[in-house]
Amino acid sequence: QVAQKVGGTLCRGLACDGFNVVQNNGETAGQTVFHFHTHLIPRYSGDGMKITWNHGNPSDDELKEMAVKIKQILG
């Protein structure tokens, strides 16, 4: 809710077309400052900025297996 509110304020104040919300947890995920913080990145149409990752191509069976594990973890 906070990111949405602040992001909306960014869009109005900076006249941007949208924004990315980025939050990294752990060194492997790219975290370099080890406390909780969230990046709100203003975006403009045609800005050429890309936030990408290789999401892989899991099979339906792999996705189902992961869903079962997540359900077990979350109860």
Protein backbone atom coordinates (compact mmCIF):
# COMPACT_ATOMS: atom_id res chain seq x y z
CA GLN A 1 0.00 0.00 0.00
CA VAL A 2 2.85 2.37 0.81
CA ALA A 3 4.64 1.66 -2.49
CA GLN A 4 1.40 2.23 -4.39
CA LYS A 5 0.74 5.55 -2.63
CA VAL A 6 4.31 6.83 -2.99
CA GLY A 7 4.50 5.55 -6.57
CA GLY A 8 1.30 7.39 -7.46
CA THR A 9 2.76 10.56 -5.96
CA LEU A 10 5.95 10.02 -8.00
CA CYS A 11 3.94 9.66 -11.19
CA ARG A 12 2.02 12.86 -10.56
CA GLY A 13 5.03 14.86 -9.38
CA LEU A 14 7.48 13.64 -12.01
CA ALA A 15 4.97 13.18 -14.83
CA CYS A 16 6.23 9.63 -15.35
CA ASP A 17 4.15 6.99 -17.12
CA GLY A 18 4.62 4.31 -14.48
CA PHE A 19 7.11 2.92 -12.00
CA ASN A 20 8.87 -0.29 -11.05
CA VAL A 21 8.93 -1.59 -7.50
CA VAL A 22 12.13 -3.52 -6.76
CA GLN A 23 13.06 -5.20 -3.48
CA ASN A 24 16.00 -7.61 -3.16
CA ASN A 25 16.40 -10.10 -0.31
CA GLY A 26 19.82 -11.64 0.29
CA GLU A 27 23.16 -11.25 -1.43
CA THR A 28 22.30 -13.84 -4.09
CA ALA A 29 19.28 -11.73 -5.05
CA GLY A 30 21.41 -8.61 -5.45
CA GLN A 31 20.92 -7.04 -2.01
CA THR A 32 23.88 -4.83 -1.12
CA VAL A 33 22.41 -2.84 1.77
CA PHE A 34 21.33 -5.29 4.44
CA HIS A 35 18.18 -3.78 5.81
CA PHE A 36 14.71 -3.73 4.29
CA HIS A 37 14.24 -1.08 1.64
CA THR A 38 12.27 -0.80 -1.56
CA HIS A 39 13.23 0.96 -4.77
CA LEU A 40 10.54 2.90 -6.62
CA ILE A 41 11.91 3.61 -10.08
CA PRO A 42 10.06 6.22 -12.18
CA ARG A 43 9.54 5.05 -15.76
CA TYR A 44 8.88 6.99 -18.93
CA SER A 45 7.60 5.69 -22.24
CA GLY A 46 10.57 4.92 -24.48
CA ASP A 47 13.14 5.35 -21.67
CA GLY A 48 14.94 2.19 -22.83
CA MET A 49 15.42 0.94 -19.27
CA LYS A 50 15.01 -2.80 -18.82
CA ILE A 51 14.70 -4.73 -15.59
CA THR A 52 15.15 -8.33 -16.68
CA TRP A 53 15.93 -11.77 -15.38
CA ASN A 54 16.03 -15.22 -16.90
CA HIS A 55 12.77 -16.69 -15.66
CA GLY A 56 13.49 -20.07 -17.21
CA ASN A 57 10.86 -22.31 -18.71
CA PRO A 58 9.57 -24.70 -16.04
CA SER A 59 7.29 -27.52 -17.09
CA ASP A 60 3.71 -27.74 -15.85
CA ASP A 61 4.80 -30.57 -13.53
CA GLU A 62 7.61 -28.44 -12.05
CA LEU A 63 5.20 -25.56 -11.47
CA LYS A 64 2.69 -27.88 -9.79
CA GLU A 65 5.43 -29.33 -7.58
CA MET A 66 6.53 -25.84 -6.53
CA ALA A 67 2.92 -24.86 -5.81
CA VAL A 68 2.55 -27.88 -3.51
CA LYS A 69 5.77 -26.97 -1.66
CA ILE A 70 4.66 -23.35 -1.22
CA LYS A 71 1.24 -24.44 0.09
CA GLN A 72 2.97 -26.75 2.58
CA ILE A 73 5.29 -23.98 3.77
CA LEU A 74 2.47 -21.46 4.15
CA GLY A 75 0.11 -23.94 5.75
